[in-house]
Every structure is written in C-alpha cells, then in structure tokens.
Amino acid sequence: ATAGIIGEVSPSFPSKIKTMSSTSFKDLSASIISGCFAATAGIIGKVALSSESSILDNVPEHMRLVARGGLFGAVILCNILMIRYFVHSLHTLGSSKATVINF
C-alpha cells in the first residue's frame, strides 16, 4: 500500500474503480426511476398545495377540493413507488451508489 496526501490506498483500489464503472443500465434503472418518481411527486405536490395554481383555475370551484385531493393522492402514490424503487436499487447497487444516482 502507498501513502499519499489523502492517506493509505489499498492495493485493490484500481479494481474497485473498474467494477464501479461496469454497472449495467439494468442495475441503474431502479435508482433512476426512483429519482423520477421523487421529482414527479415534488411537481405534483406544488400544484396540489399551491394557492396560485393556474392549472386548477379552469376547474369549477366545488371540484377544486376534489382535484387537490386527487393530486395529493398522486403525491402519496409517487412517494410509495419512489421508496419501492429506491429500496430495490439499494439491494442491487449498494447504499452509496444508489444514493448518488437517485439524488
């Protein structure tokens, strides 16, 4: 092992880099899908809970509460799916790669 500015480097360090870069798209897809669901939940939540939402301006007044409830339900569904795919990516990629790719 060699010592450098950062500290001691293990002899297997180059092989770890090689294995990290050889991750297939199939392994990455769960984490990417999880991130997409997270972003979608954020956008839908902004529309559902915003008092200035122009999307709901065309909805009749008595139906706005129902529309907001449906959008809020969609946020919950997106969050459930996000967690499902994120946990799957944790199992396939490991915690550090799954977290970096998801966020």
N, C-alpha and C. Protein backbone atom coordinates (compact mmCIF):
# COMPACT_ATOMS: atom_id res chain seq x y z
N ALA A 1 0.83 -1.18 0.00
CA ALA A 1 0.00 0.00 0.00
C ALA A 1 0.88 1.24 0.00
N THR A 2 0.39 2.28 -0.65
CA THR A 2 1.14 3.53 -0.72
C THR A 2 0.43 4.61 0.06
N ALA A 3 1.20 5.51 0.60
CA ALA A 3 0.62 6.63 1.35
C ALA A 3 0.69 7.88 0.50
N GLY A 4 -0.35 8.65 0.53
CA GLY A 4 -0.38 9.88 -0.25
C GLY A 4 -0.94 11.01 0.59
N ILE A 5 -1.40 12.04 -0.08
CA ILE A 5 -1.97 13.19 0.61
C ILE A 5 -3.23 12.79 1.37
N ILE A 6 -4.05 11.97 0.75
CA ILE A 6 -5.32 11.59 1.37
C ILE A 6 -5.10 10.53 2.44
N GLY A 7 -4.18 9.66 2.27
CA GLY A 7 -3.93 8.60 3.24
C GLY A 7 -3.51 7.34 2.53
N GLU A 8 -3.67 6.26 3.19
CA GLU A 8 -3.23 4.99 2.63
C GLU A 8 -4.24 4.48 1.62
N VAL A 9 -3.75 4.01 0.49
CA VAL A 9 -4.59 3.49 -0.58
C VAL A 9 -4.43 1.99 -0.62
N SER A 10 -5.54 1.28 -0.64
CA SER A 10 -5.47 -0.17 -0.66
C SER A 10 -5.00 -0.66 -2.02
N PRO A 11 -4.34 -1.82 -2.08
CA PRO A 11 -3.85 -2.35 -3.36
C PRO A 11 -4.97 -2.70 -4.34
N SER A 12 -6.18 -2.93 -3.85
CA SER A 12 -7.29 -3.31 -4.74
C SER A 12 -8.05 -2.10 -5.25
N PHE A 13 -7.57 -0.90 -5.00
CA PHE A 13 -8.28 0.32 -5.39
C PHE A 13 -8.57 0.39 -6.89
N PRO A 14 -7.61 0.15 -7.80
CA PRO A 14 -7.94 0.21 -9.23
C PRO A 14 -9.00 -0.80 -9.65
N SER A 15 -9.01 -1.98 -9.05
CA SER A 15 -10.01 -2.97 -9.42
C SER A 15 -11.40 -2.54 -8.96
N LYS A 16 -11.47 -1.80 -7.85
CA LYS A 16 -12.77 -1.30 -7.39
C LYS A 16 -13.31 -0.26 -8.37
N ILE A 17 -12.45 0.55 -8.92
CA ILE A 17 -12.89 1.54 -9.90
C ILE A 17 -13.44 0.84 -11.14
N LYS A 18 -12.78 -0.20 -11.56
CA LYS A 18 -13.22 -0.94 -12.74
C LYS A 18 -14.60 -1.55 -12.51
N THR A 19 -14.84 -2.11 -11.34
CA THR A 19 -16.13 -2.72 -11.07
C THR A 19 -17.23 -1.68 -10.95
N MET A 20 -16.91 -0.51 -10.42
CA MET A 20 -17.92 0.54 -10.28
C MET A 20 -18.36 1.04 -11.65
N SER A 21 -17.44 1.13 -12.60
CA SER A 21 -17.80 1.66 -13.91
C SER A 21 -18.48 0.62 -14.79
N SER A 22 -18.45 -0.62 -14.40
CA SER A 22 -19.06 -1.66 -15.23
C SER A 22 -20.50 -1.98 -14.81
N THR A 23 -21.14 -1.08 -14.12
CA THR A 23 -22.53 -1.27 -13.73
C THR A 23 -23.42 -1.12 -14.95
N SER A 24 -24.33 -2.06 -15.14
CA SER A 24 -25.18 -2.02 -16.33
C SER A 24 -26.36 -1.07 -16.12
N PHE A 25 -26.98 -0.70 -17.23
CA PHE A 25 -28.14 0.19 -17.17
C PHE A 25 -29.28 -0.47 -16.42
N LYS A 26 -29.39 -1.80 -16.54
CA LYS A 26 -30.45 -2.51 -15.83
C LYS A 26 -30.30 -2.33 -14.31
N ASP A 27 -29.07 -2.34 -13.83
CA ASP A 27 -28.83 -2.12 -12.40
C ASP A 27 -29.13 -0.68 -11.99
N LEU A 28 -28.86 0.25 -12.88
CA LEU A 28 -29.07 1.67 -12.58
C LEU A 28 -30.52 2.09 -12.73
N SER A 29 -31.31 1.35 -13.48
CA SER A 29 -32.66 1.79 -13.83
C SER A 29 -33.55 1.99 -12.61
N ALA A 30 -33.45 1.15 -11.59
CA ALA A 30 -34.31 1.31 -10.41
C ALA A 30 -34.02 2.62 -9.70
N SER A 31 -32.77 3.00 -9.62
CA SER A 31 -32.42 4.25 -8.98
C SER A 31 -32.85 5.45 -9.81
N ILE A 32 -32.73 5.36 -11.12
CA ILE A 32 -33.17 6.45 -12.00
C ILE A 32 -34.68 6.60 -11.93
N ILE A 33 -35.41 5.48 -11.95
CA ILE A 33 -36.87 5.52 -11.85
C ILE A 33 -37.28 6.12 -10.50
N SER A 34 -36.58 5.76 -9.44
CA SER A 34 -36.87 6.31 -8.12
C SER A 34 -36.71 7.82 -8.11
N GLY A 35 -35.65 8.32 -8.72
CA GLY A 35 -35.45 9.76 -8.80
C GLY A 35 -36.52 10.46 -9.62
N CYS A 36 -36.98 9.81 -10.68
CA CYS A 36 -38.06 10.38 -11.49
C CYS A 36 -39.36 10.48 -10.71
N PHE A 37 -39.68 9.44 -9.93
CA PHE A 37 -40.87 9.49 -9.09
C PHE A 37 -40.75 10.58 -8.02
N ALA A 38 -39.56 10.78 -7.48
CA ALA A 38 -39.35 11.83 -6.48
C ALA A 38 -39.59 13.21 -7.10
N ALA A 39 -39.06 13.43 -8.28
CA ALA A 39 -39.24 14.72 -8.96
C ALA A 39 -40.71 14.94 -9.32
N THR A 40 -41.36 13.88 -9.79
CA THR A 40 -42.77 13.98 -10.15
C THR A 40 -43.62 14.31 -8.93
N ALA A 41 -43.32 13.67 -7.81
CA ALA A 41 -44.06 13.95 -6.58
C ALA A 41 -43.89 15.41 -6.16
N GLY A 42 -42.71 15.94 -6.33
CA GLY A 42 -42.47 17.34 -5.98
C GLY A 42 -43.27 18.30 -6.85
N ILE A 43 -43.31 18.02 -8.14
CA ILE A 43 -44.06 18.88 -9.07
C ILE A 43 -45.55 18.79 -8.79
N ILE A 44 -46.07 17.58 -8.63
CA ILE A 44 -47.49 17.41 -8.36
C ILE A 44 -47.85 18.04 -7.02
N GLY A 45 -47.00 17.89 -6.03
CA GLY A 45 -47.26 18.49 -4.72
C GLY A 45 -47.32 20.00 -4.79
N LYS A 46 -46.48 20.59 -5.60
CA LYS A 46 -46.51 22.05 -5.76
C LYS A 46 -47.83 22.50 -6.37
N VAL A 47 -48.32 21.76 -7.36
CA VAL A 47 -49.59 22.09 -7.99
C VAL A 47 -50.74 21.85 -7.02
N ALA A 48 -50.70 20.75 -6.29
CA ALA A 48 -51.80 20.39 -5.41
C ALA A 48 -51.94 21.35 -4.22
N LEU A 49 -50.84 21.81 -3.69
CA LEU A 49 -50.88 22.60 -2.47
C LEU A 49 -50.70 24.10 -2.70
N SER A 50 -50.47 24.51 -3.92
CA SER A 50 -50.26 25.92 -4.21
C SER A 50 -51.60 26.65 -4.29
N SER A 51 -51.64 27.83 -3.70
CA SER A 51 -52.87 28.63 -3.78
C SER A 51 -52.91 29.42 -5.09
N GLU A 52 -51.78 29.50 -5.78
CA GLU A 52 -51.70 30.25 -7.04
C GLU A 52 -51.65 29.35 -8.26
N SER A 53 -52.16 28.14 -8.13
CA SER A 53 -52.05 27.17 -9.22
C SER A 53 -52.95 27.55 -10.38
N SER A 54 -52.37 27.87 -11.52
CA SER A 54 -53.15 28.24 -12.70
C SER A 54 -53.75 27.00 -13.38
N ILE A 55 -53.22 25.83 -13.07
CA ILE A 55 -53.75 24.60 -13.67
C ILE A 55 -55.15 24.33 -13.15
N LEU A 56 -55.39 24.64 -11.90
CA LEU A 56 -56.70 24.39 -11.31
C LEU A 56 -57.67 25.55 -11.49
N ASP A 57 -57.27 26.61 -12.19
CA ASP A 57 -58.16 27.75 -12.41
C ASP A 57 -59.35 27.38 -13.28
N ASN A 58 -59.17 26.43 -14.19
CA ASN A 58 -60.26 26.03 -15.08
C ASN A 58 -61.21 25.03 -14.45
N VAL A 59 -60.88 24.54 -13.27
CA VAL A 59 -61.73 23.58 -12.57
C VAL A 59 -62.80 24.35 -11.80
N PRO A 60 -64.06 23.93 -11.87
CA PRO A 60 -65.11 24.61 -11.10
C PRO A 60 -64.77 24.64 -9.60
N GLU A 61 -65.24 25.68 -8.94
CA GLU A 61 -64.90 25.92 -7.54
C GLU A 61 -65.22 24.71 -6.65
N HIS A 62 -66.38 24.10 -6.85
CA HIS A 62 -66.78 22.98 -5.99
C HIS A 62 -65.96 21.71 -6.27
N MET A 63 -65.26 21.66 -7.40
CA MET A 63 -64.46 20.48 -7.72
C MET A 63 -62.97 20.67 -7.40
N ARG A 64 -62.56 21.87 -7.03
CA ARG A 64 -61.14 22.12 -6.76
C ARG A 64 -60.64 21.30 -5.58
N LEU A 65 -61.46 21.18 -4.55
CA LEU A 65 -61.05 20.39 -3.38
C LEU A 65 -60.87 18.93 -3.77
N VAL A 66 -61.76 18.42 -4.60
CA VAL A 66 -61.65 17.04 -5.07
C VAL A 66 -60.39 16.89 -5.94
N ALA A 67 -60.14 17.87 -6.81
CA ALA A 67 -58.95 17.82 -7.67
C ALA A 67 -57.68 17.88 -6.84
N ARG A 68 -57.66 18.76 -5.83
CA ARG A 68 -56.49 18.84 -4.96
C ARG A 68 -56.29 17.55 -4.17
N GLY A 69 -57.38 16.94 -3.74
CA GLY A 69 -57.29 15.65 -3.03
C GLY A 69 -56.74 14.56 -3.93
N GLY A 70 -57.18 14.55 -5.20
CA GLY A 70 -56.66 13.58 -6.16
C GLY A 70 -55.17 13.79 -6.43
N LEU A 71 -54.77 15.04 -6.55
CA LEU A 71 -53.35 15.33 -6.76
C LEU A 71 -52.52 14.97 -5.53
N PHE A 72 -53.07 15.23 -4.36
CA PHE A 72 -52.36 14.86 -3.13
C PHE A 72 -52.22 13.34 -3.04
N GLY A 73 -53.26 12.61 -3.46
CA GLY A 73 -53.18 11.14 -3.53
C GLY A 73 -52.11 10.69 -4.51
N ALA A 74 -51.97 11.42 -5.63
CA ALA A 74 -50.92 11.10 -6.61
C ALA A 74 -49.53 11.32 -6.02
N VAL A 75 -49.39 12.35 -5.17
CA VAL A 75 -48.11 12.59 -4.49
C VAL A 75 -47.77 11.41 -3.59
N ILE A 76 -48.75 10.94 -2.84
CA ILE A 76 -48.52 9.80 -1.95
C ILE A 76 -48.16 8.56 -2.76
N LEU A 77 -48.86 8.33 -3.87
CA LEU A 77 -48.56 7.18 -4.72
C LEU A 77 -47.15 7.28 -5.31
N CYS A 78 -46.76 8.46 -5.76
CA CYS A 78 -45.40 8.64 -6.30
C CYS A 78 -44.35 8.39 -5.22
N ASN A 79 -44.62 8.84 -3.99
CA ASN A 79 -43.67 8.61 -2.90
C ASN A 79 -43.56 7.13 -2.55
N ILE A 80 -44.66 6.42 -2.58
CA ILE A 80 -44.63 4.98 -2.32
C ILE A 80 -43.80 4.27 -3.39
N LEU A 81 -44.04 4.62 -4.65
CA LEU A 81 -43.29 4.00 -5.74
C LEU A 81 -41.81 4.39 -5.69
N MET A 82 -41.53 5.65 -5.31
CA MET A 82 -40.15 6.10 -5.19
C MET A 82 -39.42 5.25 -4.15
N ILE A 83 -40.03 5.06 -3.00
CA ILE A 83 -39.38 4.28 -1.94
C ILE A 83 -39.20 2.83 -2.39
N ARG A 84 -40.19 2.27 -3.08
CA ARG A 84 -40.09 0.89 -3.56
C ARG A 84 -38.88 0.72 -4.48
N TYR A 85 -38.76 1.61 -5.46
CA TYR A 85 -37.64 1.50 -6.40
C TYR A 85 -36.31 1.85 -5.75
N PHE A 86 -36.32 2.78 -4.80
CA PHE A 86 -35.07 3.13 -4.13
C PHE A 86 -34.56 1.96 -3.29
N VAL A 87 -35.45 1.28 -2.59
CA VAL A 87 -35.04 0.11 -1.81
C VAL A 87 -34.51 -0.98 -2.74
N HIS A 88 -35.16 -1.15 -3.89
CA HIS A 88 -34.67 -2.13 -4.86
C HIS A 88 -33.25 -1.76 -5.34
N SER A 89 -33.03 -0.47 -5.59
CA SER A 89 -31.70 -0.05 -6.04
C SER A 89 -30.67 -0.18 -4.93
N LEU A 90 -31.09 -0.02 -3.68
CA LEU A 90 -30.17 -0.24 -2.57
C LEU A 90 -29.68 -1.68 -2.55
N HIS A 91 -30.60 -2.61 -2.85
CA HIS A 91 -30.22 -4.03 -2.86
C HIS A 91 -29.30 -4.37 -4.03
N THR A 92 -29.52 -3.75 -5.19
CA THR A 92 -28.72 -4.11 -6.36
C THR A 92 -27.41 -3.34 -6.44
N LEU A 93 -27.40 -2.07 -6.03
CA LEU A 93 -26.20 -1.24 -6.20
C LEU A 93 -25.41 -1.02 -4.93
N GLY A 94 -26.05 -1.10 -3.80
CA GLY A 94 -25.40 -0.71 -2.55
C GLY A 94 -25.82 0.72 -2.20
N SER A 95 -25.60 1.07 -0.97
CA SER A 95 -26.17 2.35 -0.49
C SER A 95 -25.51 3.57 -1.11
N SER A 96 -24.20 3.58 -1.27
CA SER A 96 -23.56 4.80 -1.76
C SER A 96 -23.90 5.09 -3.22
N LYS A 97 -23.85 4.09 -4.08
CA LYS A 97 -24.16 4.32 -5.50
C LYS A 97 -25.63 4.65 -5.69
N ALA A 98 -26.51 3.94 -4.99
CA ALA A 98 -27.94 4.19 -5.14
C ALA A 98 -28.31 5.59 -4.70
N THR A 99 -27.70 6.06 -3.62
CA THR A 99 -27.99 7.40 -3.12
C THR A 99 -27.49 8.46 -4.08
N VAL A 100 -26.29 8.31 -4.59
CA VAL A 100 -25.72 9.31 -5.51
C VAL A 100 -26.53 9.37 -6.79
N ILE A 101 -26.91 8.24 -7.34
CA ILE A 101 -27.65 8.23 -8.60
C ILE A 101 -29.07 8.74 -8.41
N ASN A 102 -29.69 8.41 -7.28
CA ASN A 102 -31.06 8.82 -7.03
C ASN A 102 -31.18 10.32 -6.80
N PHE A 103 -30.22 10.90 -6.13
CA PHE A 103 -30.32 12.32 -5.80
C PHE A 103 -29.39 13.07 -6.69
